C-alpha atoms as a PDB file:
ATOM      1  CA  UNK A   1     164.912 159.874 -68.265  1.00  0.00           C
ATOM      2  CA  UNK A   2     163.827 156.533 -69.049  1.00  0.00           C
ATOM      3  CA  UNK A   3     160.539 156.662 -70.157  1.00  0.00           C
ATOM      4  CA  UNK A   4     158.724 153.303 -69.302  1.00  0.00           C
ATOM      5  CA  UNK A   5     156.551 151.242 -72.138  1.00  0.00           C
ATOM      6  CA  UNK A   6     153.487 149.667 -71.172  1.00  0.00           C
ATOM      7  CA  UNK A   7     152.671 146.618 -73.258  1.00  0.00           C
ATOM      8  CA  UNK A   8     149.158 146.690 -75.312  1.00  0.00           C
ATOM      9  CA  UNK A   9     147.455 143.421 -76.529  1.00  0.00           C
ATOM     10  CA  UNK A  10     148.063 142.765 -79.543  1.00  0.00           C
ATOM     11  CA  UNK A  11     145.403 144.033 -81.572  1.00  0.00           C
ATOM     12  CA  UNK A  12     145.143 140.692 -84.278  1.00  0.00           C
ATOM     13  CA  UNK A  13     144.709 138.771 -81.587  1.00  0.00           C
ATOM     14  CA  UNK A  14     141.448 140.349 -80.304  1.00  0.00           C
ATOM     15  CA  UNK A  15     140.012 140.686 -83.914  1.00  0.00           C
ATOM     16  CA  UNK A  16     140.687 136.747 -83.665  1.00  0.00           C
ATOM     17  CA  UNK A  17     138.137 136.522 -80.540  1.00  0.00           C
ATOM     18  CA  UNK A  18     135.569 139.161 -82.016  1.00  0.00           C
ATOM     19  CA  UNK A  19     135.212 136.989 -85.032  1.00  0.00           C
ATOM     20  CA  UNK A  20     134.598 133.332 -82.939  1.00  0.00           C
ATOM     21  CA  UNK A  21     132.342 135.289 -80.986  1.00  0.00           C
ATOM     22  CA  UNK A  22     130.265 137.135 -84.004  1.00  0.00           C
ATOM     23  CA  UNK A  23     129.969 133.346 -86.013  1.00  0.00           C
ATOM     24  CA  UNK A  24     128.789 131.732 -83.348  1.00  0.00           C
ATOM     25  CA  UNK A  25     126.342 133.790 -82.457  1.00  0.00           C
ATOM     26  CA  UNK A  26     124.792 134.021 -86.470  1.00  0.00           C
ATOM     27  CA  UNK A  27     124.969 129.797 -85.710  1.00  0.00           C
ATOM     28  CA  UNK A  28     122.892 130.060 -82.841  1.00  0.00           C
ATOM     29  CA  UNK A  29     119.438 131.197 -84.560  1.00  0.00           C
ATOM     30  CA  UNK A  30     120.355 128.798 -87.894  1.00  0.00           C
ATOM     31  CA  UNK A  31     120.167 125.923 -85.817  1.00  0.00           C
ATOM     32  CA  UNK A  32     117.303 126.421 -83.727  1.00  0.00           C
ATOM     33  CA  UNK A  33     115.290 127.511 -86.628  1.00  0.00           C
ATOM     34  CA  UNK A  34     116.736 124.302 -88.716  1.00  0.00           C
ATOM     35  CA  UNK A  35     115.828 121.791 -85.792  1.00  0.00           C
ATOM     36  CA  UNK A  36     111.984 123.783 -85.225  1.00  0.00           C
ATOM     37  CA  UNK A  37     111.520 122.892 -88.537  1.00  0.00           C
ATOM     38  CA  UNK A  38     112.518 119.394 -88.851  1.00  0.00           C
ATOM     39  CA  UNK A  39     110.081 118.622 -85.680  1.00  0.00           C
ATOM     40  CA  UNK A  40     107.716 121.072 -87.093  1.00  0.00           C
ATOM     41  CA  UNK A  41     108.156 118.837 -90.136  1.00  0.00           C
ATOM     42  CA  UNK A  42     107.351 115.089 -88.220  1.00  0.00           C
ATOM     43  CA  UNK A  43     104.584 116.464 -86.601  1.00  0.00           C
ATOM     44  CA  UNK A  44     102.558 116.895 -89.617  1.00  0.00           C
ATOM     45  CA  UNK A  45     103.477 114.299 -92.074  1.00  0.00           C
ATOM     46  CA  UNK A  46     102.081 111.574 -89.525  1.00  0.00           C
ATOM     47  CA  UNK A  47     102.231 108.030 -90.774  1.00  0.00           C
ATOM     48  CA  UNK A  48      99.886 105.366 -91.538  1.00  0.00           C
ATOM     49  CA  UNK A  49      99.697 101.823 -92.952  1.00  0.00           C
ATOM     50  CA  UNK A  50      97.022 100.172 -94.861  1.00  0.00           C
ATOM     51  CA  UNK A  51      95.984  96.983 -94.050  1.00  0.00           C
ATOM     52  CA  UNK A  52      94.923  94.503 -96.882  1.00  0.00           C
ATOM     53  CA  UNK A  53      93.159  91.069 -96.816  1.00  0.00           C
ATOM     54  CA  UNK A  54      91.233  88.113 -99.072  1.00  0.00           C
ATOM     55  CA  UNK A  55      88.240  86.236 -99.089  1.00  0.00           C
ATOM     56  CA  UNK A  56      87.929  82.615 -98.809  1.00  0.00           C
ATOM     57  CA  UNK A  57      86.807  81.707-102.604  1.00  0.00           C
ATOM     58  CA  UNK A  58      88.360  84.410-105.338  1.00  0.00           C
ATOM     59  CA  UNK A  59      85.937  87.090-107.123  1.00  0.00           C
ATOM     60  CA  UNK A  60      86.380  84.863-110.410  1.00  0.00           C
ATOM     61  CA  UNK A  61      85.667  81.685-109.387  1.00  0.00           C
ATOM     62  CA  UNK A  62      81.718  83.205-108.137  1.00  0.00           C
ATOM     63  CA  UNK A  63      81.585  85.311-111.382  1.00  0.00           C
ATOM     64  CA  UNK A  64      81.963  82.106-113.257  1.00  0.00           C
ATOM     65  CA  UNK A  65      79.215  79.944-110.555  1.00  0.00           C
ATOM     66  CA  UNK A  66      77.312  82.661-111.583  1.00  0.00           C
ATOM     67  CA  UNK A  67      77.165  83.414-114.964  1.00  0.00           C
ATOM     68  CA  UNK A  68      76.538  79.441-116.016  1.00  0.00           C
ATOM     69  CA  UNK A  69      73.912  79.351-113.863  1.00  0.00           C
ATOM     70  CA  UNK A  70      72.044  83.174-115.284  1.00  0.00           C
ATOM     71  CA  UNK A  71      72.543  81.165-118.239  1.00  0.00           C
ATOM     72  CA  UNK A  72      71.257  78.072-117.495  1.00  0.00           C
ATOM     73  CA  UNK A  73      68.471  79.280-115.889  1.00  0.00           C
ATOM     74  CA  UNK A  74      67.399  82.119-118.646  1.00  0.00           C
ATOM     75  CA  UNK A  75      67.221  78.626-121.159  1.00  0.00           C
ATOM     76  CA  UNK A  76      64.046  77.252-119.358  1.00  0.00           C
ATOM     77  CA  UNK A  77      60.522  77.776-120.347  1.00  0.00           C
ATOM     78  CA  UNK A  78      58.245  78.705-117.471  1.00  0.00           C
ATOM     79  CA  UNK A  79      55.163  79.815-119.533  1.00  0.00           C
ATOM     80  CA  UNK A  80      53.380  76.732-117.976  1.00  0.00           C
ATOM     81  CA  UNK A  81      53.208  77.790-114.433  1.00  0.00           C
ATOM     82  CA  UNK A  82      51.945  80.903-115.603  1.00  0.00           C
ATOM     83  CA  UNK A  83      49.079  82.353-113.355  1.00  0.00           C
ATOM     84  CA  UNK A  84      50.315  79.614-110.606  1.00  0.00           C
ATOM     85  CA  UNK A  85      50.412  80.372-107.034  1.00  0.00           C
ATOM     86  CA  UNK A  86      53.900  78.887-106.477  1.00  0.00           C
ATOM     87  CA  UNK A  87      56.673  78.387-103.354  1.00  0.00           C
ATOM     88  CA  UNK A  88      60.702  77.339-104.445  1.00  0.00           C
ATOM     89  CA  UNK A  89      61.896  75.766-102.624  1.00  0.00           C
ATOM     90  CA  UNK A  90      65.571  73.390-103.085  1.00  0.00           C
ATOM     91  CA  UNK A  91      66.011  69.741-103.126  1.00  0.00           C
ATOM     92  CA  UNK A  92      69.683  70.069-101.570  1.00  0.00           C
ATOM     93  CA  UNK A  93      71.825  72.133-101.001  1.00  0.00           C
ATOM     94  CA  UNK A  94      75.164  73.555-102.496  1.00  0.00           C
ATOM     95  CA  UNK A  95      77.275  76.447-104.039  1.00  0.00           C
ATOM     96  CA  UNK A  96      75.755  79.211-104.391  1.00  0.00           C
ATOM     97  CA  UNK A  97      72.476  78.170-103.654  1.00  0.00           C
ATOM     98  CA  UNK A  98      70.270  80.754-102.602  1.00  0.00           C
ATOM     99  CA  UNK A  99      71.406  82.811-105.808  1.00  0.00           C
ATOM    100  CA  UNK A 100      70.128  80.120-108.064  1.00  0.00           C
ATOM    101  CA  UNK A 101      67.319  79.740-106.265  1.00  0.00           C
ATOM    102  CA  UNK A 102      66.292  83.314-106.302  1.00  0.00           C
ATOM    103  CA  UNK A 103      66.936  83.815-109.952  1.00  0.00           C
ATOM    104  CA  UNK A 104      64.032  80.472-110.649  1.00  0.00           C
ATOM    105  CA  UNK A 105      61.693  83.239-108.569  1.00  0.00           C
ATOM    106  CA  UNK A 106      62.852  85.644-110.357  1.00  0.00           C
ATOM    107  CA  UNK A 107      61.916  84.242-114.137  1.00  0.00           C
ATOM    108  CA  UNK A 108      58.611  82.301-112.404  1.00  0.00           C
ATOM    109  CA  UNK A 109      57.804  86.054-111.427  1.00  0.00           C
ATOM    110  CA  UNK A 110      59.224  88.211-114.515  1.00  0.00           C
ATOM    111  CA  UNK A 111      56.369  84.853-116.294  1.00  0.00           C
ATOM    112  CA  UNK A 112      53.401  85.438-115.065  1.00  0.00           C
ATOM    113  CA  UNK A 113      53.637  82.677-111.725  1.00  0.00           C
ATOM    114  CA  UNK A 114      52.545  84.098-108.391  1.00  0.00           C
ATOM    115  CA  UNK A 115      55.137  83.204-106.172  1.00  0.00           C
ATOM    116  CA  UNK A 116      55.410  82.817-102.616  1.00  0.00           C
ATOM    117  CA  UNK A 117      57.011  82.807 -99.806  1.00  0.00           C
ATOM    118  CA  UNK A 118      54.777  80.843 -97.426  1.00  0.00           C
ATOM    119  CA  UNK A 119      54.535  77.731 -98.324  1.00  0.00           C
ATOM    120  CA  UNK A 120      51.140  77.442 -96.845  1.00  0.00           C
ATOM    121  CA  UNK A 121      49.677  80.293 -99.152  1.00  0.00           C
ATOM    122  CA  UNK A 122      51.109  78.206-102.422  1.00  0.00           C
ATOM    123  CA  UNK A 123      49.082  75.889-104.410  1.00  0.00           C
ATOM    124  CA  UNK A 124      51.886  74.290-106.083  1.00  0.00           C
ATOM    125  CA  UNK A 125      56.099  73.912-105.372  1.00  0.00           C
ATOM    126  CA  UNK A 126      58.360  73.615-107.675  1.00  0.00           C
ATOM    127  CA  UNK A 127      62.016  72.218-106.816  1.00  0.00           C
ATOM    128  CA  UNK A 128      65.093  73.117-107.520  1.00  0.00           C
ATOM    129  CA  UNK A 129      67.907  70.489-108.140  1.00  0.00           C
ATOM    130  CA  UNK A 130      71.125  70.993-109.195  1.00  0.00           C
ATOM    131  CA  UNK A 131      73.260  68.060-110.668  1.00  0.00           C
ATOM    132  CA  UNK A 132      76.586  69.898-110.397  1.00  0.00           C
ATOM    133  CA  UNK A 133      78.077  73.354-109.369  1.00  0.00           C
ATOM    134  CA  UNK A 134      81.675  73.877-109.294  1.00  0.00           C
ATOM    135  CA  UNK A 135      84.585  75.049-111.246  1.00  0.00           C
ATOM    136  CA  UNK A 136      87.372  72.853-113.489  1.00  0.00           C
ATOM    137  CA  UNK A 137      91.237  73.666-113.717  1.00  0.00           C
ATOM    138  CA  UNK A 138      93.697  73.945-116.734  1.00  0.00           C
ATOM    139  CA  UNK A 139      97.162  74.848-117.526  1.00  0.00           C
ATOM    140  CA  UNK A 140      99.732  74.809-120.352  1.00  0.00           C
ATOM    141  CA  UNK A 141     102.696  75.673-120.187  1.00  0.00           C
ATOM    142  CA  UNK A 142     105.747  75.536-123.119  1.00  0.00           C
ATOM    143  CA  UNK A 143     108.619  75.914-120.646  1.00  0.00           C
ATOM    144  CA  UNK A 144     111.043  75.802-117.596  1.00  0.00           C
ATOM    145  CA  UNK A 145     109.206  74.679-114.665  1.00  0.00           C
ATOM    146  CA  UNK A 146     109.874  75.071-110.447  1.00  0.00           C
ATOM    147  CA  UNK A 147     112.474  73.105-109.910  1.00  0.00           C
ATOM    148  CA  UNK A 148     112.972  71.880-106.196  1.00  0.00           C
ATOM    149  CA  UNK A 149     117.084  70.165-106.370  1.00  0.00           C
ATOM    150  CA  UNK A 150     117.241  68.949-102.920  1.00  0.00           C
ATOM    151  CA  UNK A 151     119.633  69.528-100.816  1.00  0.00           C
ATOM    152  CA  UNK A 152     123.612  66.969-101.811  1.00  0.00           C
ATOM    153  CA  UNK A 153     126.832  67.326-100.884  1.00  0.00           C
ATOM    154  CA  UNK A 154     127.976  70.039 -99.464  1.00  0.00           C
ATOM    155  CA  UNK A 155     124.092  71.909 -99.325  1.00  0.00           C
ATOM    156  CA  UNK A 156     122.369  71.697 -96.090  1.00  0.00           C
ATOM    157  CA  UNK A 157     118.742  73.286 -97.901  1.00  0.00           C
ATOM    158  CA  UNK A 158     116.963  72.193-100.450  1.00  0.00           C
ATOM    159  CA  UNK A 159     117.433  74.931-103.504  1.00  0.00           C
ATOM    160  CA  UNK A 160     113.789  76.107-105.777  1.00  0.00           C
ATOM    161  CA  UNK A 161     114.407  77.202-109.089  1.00  0.00           C
ATOM    162  CA  UNK A 162     111.914  79.726-110.388  1.00  0.00           C
ATOM    163  CA  UNK A 163     109.248  78.750-113.774  1.00  0.00           C
ATOM    164  CA  UNK A 164     110.604  79.511-116.333  1.00  0.00           C
ATOM    165  CA  UNK A 165     107.908  79.992-119.435  1.00  0.00           C
ATOM    166  CA  UNK A 166     108.277  80.458-122.649  1.00  0.00           C
ATOM    167  CA  UNK A 167     104.158  80.285-123.430  1.00  0.00           C
ATOM    168  CA  UNK A 168     102.045  79.930-120.675  1.00  0.00           C
ATOM    169  CA  UNK A 169      97.940  80.069-120.815  1.00  0.00           C
ATOM    170  CA  UNK A 170      95.630  78.982-117.657  1.00  0.00           C
ATOM    171  CA  UNK A 171      91.888  77.984-118.467  1.00  0.00           C
ATOM    172  CA  UNK A 172      88.948  78.453-115.103  1.00  0.00           C
ATOM    173  CA  UNK A 173      86.429  76.451-116.401  1.00  0.00           C
ATOM    174  CA  UNK A 174      82.467  76.521-113.964  1.00  0.00           C
ATOM    175  CA  UNK A 175      79.633  73.950-114.671  1.00  0.00           C
ATOM    176  CA  UNK A 176      75.945  73.934-113.447  1.00  0.00           C
ATOM    177  CA  UNK A 177      73.243  70.808-114.677  1.00  0.00           C
ATOM    178  CA  UNK A 178      70.334  71.790-113.184  1.00  0.00           C
ATOM    179  CA  UNK A 179      66.838  70.061-113.314  1.00  0.00           C
ATOM    180  CA  UNK A 180      63.522  71.505-112.088  1.00  0.00           C
ATOM    181  CA  UNK A 181      59.777  70.338-111.655  1.00  0.00           C
ATOM    182  CA  UNK A 182      57.007  71.274-110.513  1.00  0.00           C
ATOM    183  CA  UNK A 183      54.204  69.371-109.207  1.00  0.00           C
ATOM    184  CA  UNK A 184      50.528  69.930-106.906  1.00  0.00           C
ATOM    185  CA  UNK A 185      51.289  70.577-103.685  1.00  0.00           C
ATOM    186  CA  UNK A 186      47.384  68.421-102.115  1.00  0.00           C
ATOM    187  CA  UNK A 187      47.782  66.003-104.502  1.00  0.00           C
ATOM    188  CA  UNK A 188      51.171  65.954-105.454  1.00  0.00           C
ATOM    189  CA  UNK A 189      50.434  65.304-109.587  1.00  0.00           C
ATOM    190  CA  UNK A 190      53.123  66.415-112.016  1.00  0.00           C
ATOM    191  CA  UNK A 191      52.571  68.574-113.849  1.00  0.00           C
ATOM    192  CA  UNK A 192      55.837  69.672-115.633  1.00  0.00           C
ATOM    193  CA  UNK A 193      59.220  69.398-115.826  1.00  0.00           C
ATOM    194  CA  UNK A 194      62.665  71.258-116.978  1.00  0.00           C
ATOM    195  CA  UNK A 195      64.387  68.681-118.502  1.00  0.00           C
ATOM    196  CA  UNK A 196      68.404  68.287-117.669  1.00  0.00           C
ATOM    197  CA  UNK A 197      70.490  70.942-118.994  1.00  0.00           C
ATOM    198  CA  UNK A 198      74.100  71.767-117.331  1.00  0.00           C
ATOM    199  CA  UNK A 199      75.540  75.520-118.789  1.00  0.00           C
ATOM    200  CA  UNK A 200      79.114  76.710-118.686  1.00  0.00           C
ATOM    201  CA  UNK A 201      81.518  79.179-118.014  1.00  0.00           C
ATOM    202  CA  UNK A 202      85.187  80.498-118.706  1.00  0.00           C
ATOM    203  CA  UNK A 203      88.132  81.904-118.025  1.00  0.00           C
ATOM    204  CA  UNK A 204      91.370  82.338-119.710  1.00  0.00           C
ATOM    205  CA  UNK A 205      94.640  83.473-119.351  1.00  0.00           C
ATOM    206  CA  UNK A 206      97.622  83.793-121.314  1.00  0.00           C
ATOM    207  CA  UNK A 207     101.468  84.528-120.909  1.00  0.00           C
ATOM    208  CA  UNK A 208     103.931  84.965-123.611  1.00  0.00           C
ATOM    209  CA  UNK A 209     107.874  85.612-122.387  1.00  0.00           C
ATOM    210  CA  UNK A 210     106.876  86.788-119.424  1.00  0.00           C
ATOM    211  CA  UNK A 211     104.093  89.130-120.966  1.00  0.00           C
ATOM    212  CA  UNK A 212     101.042  88.964-119.017  1.00  0.00           C
ATOM    213  CA  UNK A 213      98.156  87.744-118.638  1.00  0.00           C
ATOM    214  CA  UNK A 214      96.349  88.297-121.680  1.00  0.00           C
ATOM    215  CA  UNK A 215      92.686  87.398-120.149  1.00  0.00           C
ATOM    216  CA  UNK A 216      89.953  86.592-121.973  1.00  0.00           C
ATOM    217  CA  UNK A 217      86.388  85.483-120.389  1.00  0.00           C
ATOM    218  CA  UNK A 218      82.909  84.866-121.643  1.00  0.00           C
ATOM    219  CA  UNK A 219      81.143  85.967-118.584  1.00  0.00           C
ATOM    220  CA  UNK A 220      82.321  90.058-120.053  1.00  0.00           C
ATOM    221  CA  UNK A 221      79.410  89.850-122.278  1.00  0.00           C
ATOM    222  CA  UNK A 222      76.879  87.158-120.268  1.00  0.00           C
ATOM    223  CA  UNK A 223      73.268  88.488-120.175  1.00  0.00           C
ATOM    224  CA  UNK A 224      73.374  90.474-123.851  1.00  0.00           C
ATOM    225  CA  UNK A 225      71.524  87.694-124.728  1.00  0.00           C
ATOM    226  CA  UNK A 226      67.805  89.269-125.305  1.00  0.00           C
ATOM    227  CA  UNK A 227      66.593  92.776-124.433  1.00  0.00           C
ATOM    228  CA  UNK A 228      64.247  93.719-121.439  1.00  0.00           C
ATOM    229  CA  UNK A 229      61.837  95.722-124.262  1.00  0.00           C
ATOM    230  CA  UNK A 230      60.371  91.996-124.474  1.00  0.00           C
ATOM    231  CA  UNK A 231      60.306  90.746-121.664  1.00  0.00           C
ATOM    232  CA  UNK A 232      56.737  91.381-120.338  1.00  0.00           C
ATOM    233  CA  UNK A 233      55.047  87.820-121.196  1.00  0.00           C
ATOM    234  CA  UNK A 234      52.466  87.920-124.049  1.00  0.00           C
ATOM    235  CA  UNK A 235      49.438  87.147-121.295  1.00  0.00           C
ATOM    236  CA  UNK A 236      49.645  90.096-120.094  1.00  0.00           C
ATOM    237  CA  UNK A 237      49.486  92.238-122.987  1.00  0.00           C
ATOM    238  CA  UNK A 238      48.188  90.532-125.618  1.00  0.00           C
ATOM    239  CA  UNK A 239      50.205  90.217-127.256  1.00  0.00           C
ATOM    240  CA  UNK A 240      51.872  86.673-129.272  1.00  0.00           C
ATOM    241  CA  UNK A 241      54.776  86.429-129.128  1.00  0.00           C
ATOM    242  CA  UNK A 242      57.109  83.392-131.187  1.00  0.00           C
ATOM    243  CA  UNK A 243      60.358  82.706-129.183  1.00  0.00           C
ATOM    244  CA  UNK A 244      59.556  85.037-125.815  1.00  0.00           C
ATOM    245  CA  UNK A 245      62.040  84.113-122.976  1.00  0.00           C
ATOM    246  CA  UNK A 246      62.920  86.403-120.557  1.00  0.00           C
ATOM    247  CA  UNK A 247      66.328  86.946-119.196  1.00  0.00           C
ATOM    248  CA  UNK A 248      68.140  86.868-115.569  1.00  0.00           C
ATOM    249  CA  UNK A 249      70.460  89.605-116.550  1.00  0.00           C
ATOM    250  CA  UNK A 250      69.348  92.806-118.639  1.00  0.00           C
ATOM    251  CA  UNK A 251      66.691  95.069-117.321  1.00  0.00           C
ATOM    252  CA  UNK A 252      62.862  94.983-117.609  1.00  0.00           C
ATOM    253  CA  UNK A 253      59.978  96.203-116.209  1.00  0.00           C
ATOM    254  CA  UNK A 254      56.612  94.572-115.644  1.00  0.00           C
ATOM    255  CA  UNK A 255      53.043  95.171-115.504  1.00  0.00           C
ATOM    256  CA  UNK A 256      51.570  94.427-112.299  1.00  0.00           C
ATOM    257  CA  UNK A 257      48.026  92.389-112.228  1.00  0.00           C
ATOM    258  CA  UNK A 258      45.393  93.209-110.642  1.00  0.00           C
ATOM    259  CA  UNK A 259      41.946  90.819-110.068  1.00  0.00           C
ATOM    260  CA  UNK A 260      40.325  91.173-113.500  1.00  0.00           C
ATOM    261  CA  UNK A 261      44.205  90.441-115.212  1.00  0.00           C
ATOM    262  CA  UNK A 262      44.635  87.517-112.631  1.00  0.00           C
ATOM    263  CA  UNK A 263      41.737  86.141-114.496  1.00  0.00           C
ATOM    264  CA  UNK A 264      42.096  87.353-117.723  1.00  0.00           C
ATOM    265  CA  UNK A 265      45.519  84.706-117.273  1.00  0.00           C
ATOM    266  CA  UNK A 266      43.724  81.863-115.632  1.00  0.00           C
ATOM    267  CA  UNK A 267      40.935  82.243-118.081  1.00  0.00           C
ATOM    268  CA  UNK A 268      43.933  81.772-121.374  1.00  0.00           C
ATOM    269  CA  UNK A 269      45.990  79.060-119.160  1.00  0.00           C
ATOM    270  CA  UNK A 270      42.499  76.834-118.542  1.00  0.00           C
ATOM    271  CA  UNK A 271      40.748  77.058-122.087  1.00  0.00           C
ATOM    272  CA  UNK A 272      44.685  75.762-123.502  1.00  0.00           C
ATOM    273  CA  UNK A 273      44.703  72.874-121.804  1.00  0.00           C
ATOM    274  CA  UNK A 274      40.940  72.427-122.386  1.00  0.00           C
ATOM    275  CA  UNK A 275      42.250  72.554-125.817  1.00  0.00           C
ATOM    276  CA  UNK A 276      45.400  70.280-125.476  1.00  0.00           C
ATOM    277  CA  UNK A 277      43.118  68.158-124.248  1.00  0.00           C
ATOM    278  CA  UNK A 278      40.756  68.301-127.171  1.00  0.00           C
ATOM    279  CA  UNK A 279      44.149  67.932-129.038  1.00  0.00           C
ATOM    280  CA  UNK A 280      44.949  64.635-127.959  1.00  0.00           C
ATOM    281  CA  UNK A 281      41.227  62.908-127.535  1.00  0.00           C
ATOM    282  CA  UNK A 282      40.668  64.191-131.206  1.00  0.00           C
ATOM    283  CA  UNK A 283      44.473  62.135-132.185  1.00  0.00           C
ATOM    284  CA  UNK A 284      43.487  59.152-130.681  1.00  0.00           C
ATOM    285  CA  UNK A 285      40.480  58.127-132.251  1.00  0.00           C
ATOM    286  CA  UNK A 286      42.022  58.835-136.117  1.00  0.00           C
ATOM    287  CA  UNK A 287      44.805  56.316-134.750  1.00  0.00           C
ATOM    288  CA  UNK A 288      42.098  54.443-134.276  1.00  0.00           C
ATOM    289  CA  UNK A 289      40.555  54.388-137.843  1.00  0.00           C
ATOM    290  CA  UNK A 290      43.161  53.544-139.129  1.00  0.00           C
ATOM    291  CA  UNK A 291      43.989  49.973-137.650  1.00  0.00           C
ATOM    292  CA  UNK A 292      40.202  49.232-138.836  1.00  0.00           C
ATOM    293  CA  UNK A 293      40.315  50.062-142.389  1.00  0.00           C
ATOM    294  CA  UNK A 294      43.702  48.659-142.300  1.00  0.00           C
ATOM    295  CA  UNK A 295      41.745  45.250-140.987  1.00  0.00           C
ATOM    296  CA  UNK A 296      39.391  45.644-143.128  1.00  0.00           C
ATOM    297  CA  UNK A 297      41.880  45.643-146.041  1.00  0.00           C
ATOM    298  CA  UNK A 298      43.568  42.383-144.368  1.00  0.00           C
ATOM    299  CA  UNK A 299      40.141  40.386-144.390  1.00  0.00           C
ATOM    300  CA  UNK A 300      39.074  41.204-147.573  1.00  0.00           C
ATOM    301  CA  UNK A 301      42.409  40.174-148.981  1.00  0.00           C
END
């Protein structure tokens, strides 16, 4: 009797198939988790842009000009206009002319004048006439300047060789020239003139063997010439102080004048003017007497 043998599937093949199915089952969740993580990360981070822009005038130029103006208006003596109702106007238009006019108005008010916004309310006109407001630039370099080589031979375009500076210095300087005068609005008679003054401010940048810039500027310490504790004019507090000046660059507090204080200030001003006139009149006869005595000596001789 012969027994028939049934062919059984190869165990090794079945094991391999099961291993592959298990491997795919294990990898599928990982792929899904990775895809989910990337999508969520994109939603969380997002993106953005920053916009940069430059003004038509550099901040350095504005600082230089405004600092020179501040130093300049601090140099004048405004005491002659104390107690007067004044209106300030500009004789011409110039760079930062409104700022200069505001500085003059502030100094007039700080020195006892009554500044009016309406010309009809003022008795006197103060005319501000800037003669020059501008900046100059100077450059000095030791090294090889930037050079452009024209197209020659096989070269189709020009080639530029950058600058190679061992030592380089750049100076930018602002200069302001100013004169002012005041006159009676009704009669046109002049009562004060400031004289002509100039003031400058400067910034300097240095590069040494490519390192820099190393900057020094005159406006770093602008406004530190006089403290605010001396800003109140002597006619306000009744104390006489010599060579007293106010500064637009320092903090100060002022006493607001009432009617009695205004009358007192005007009286002091009138007495001062009357005293000055008496001194002028007293000096004239002395000169005449000296001349007469010299003539008598000549006659005796």
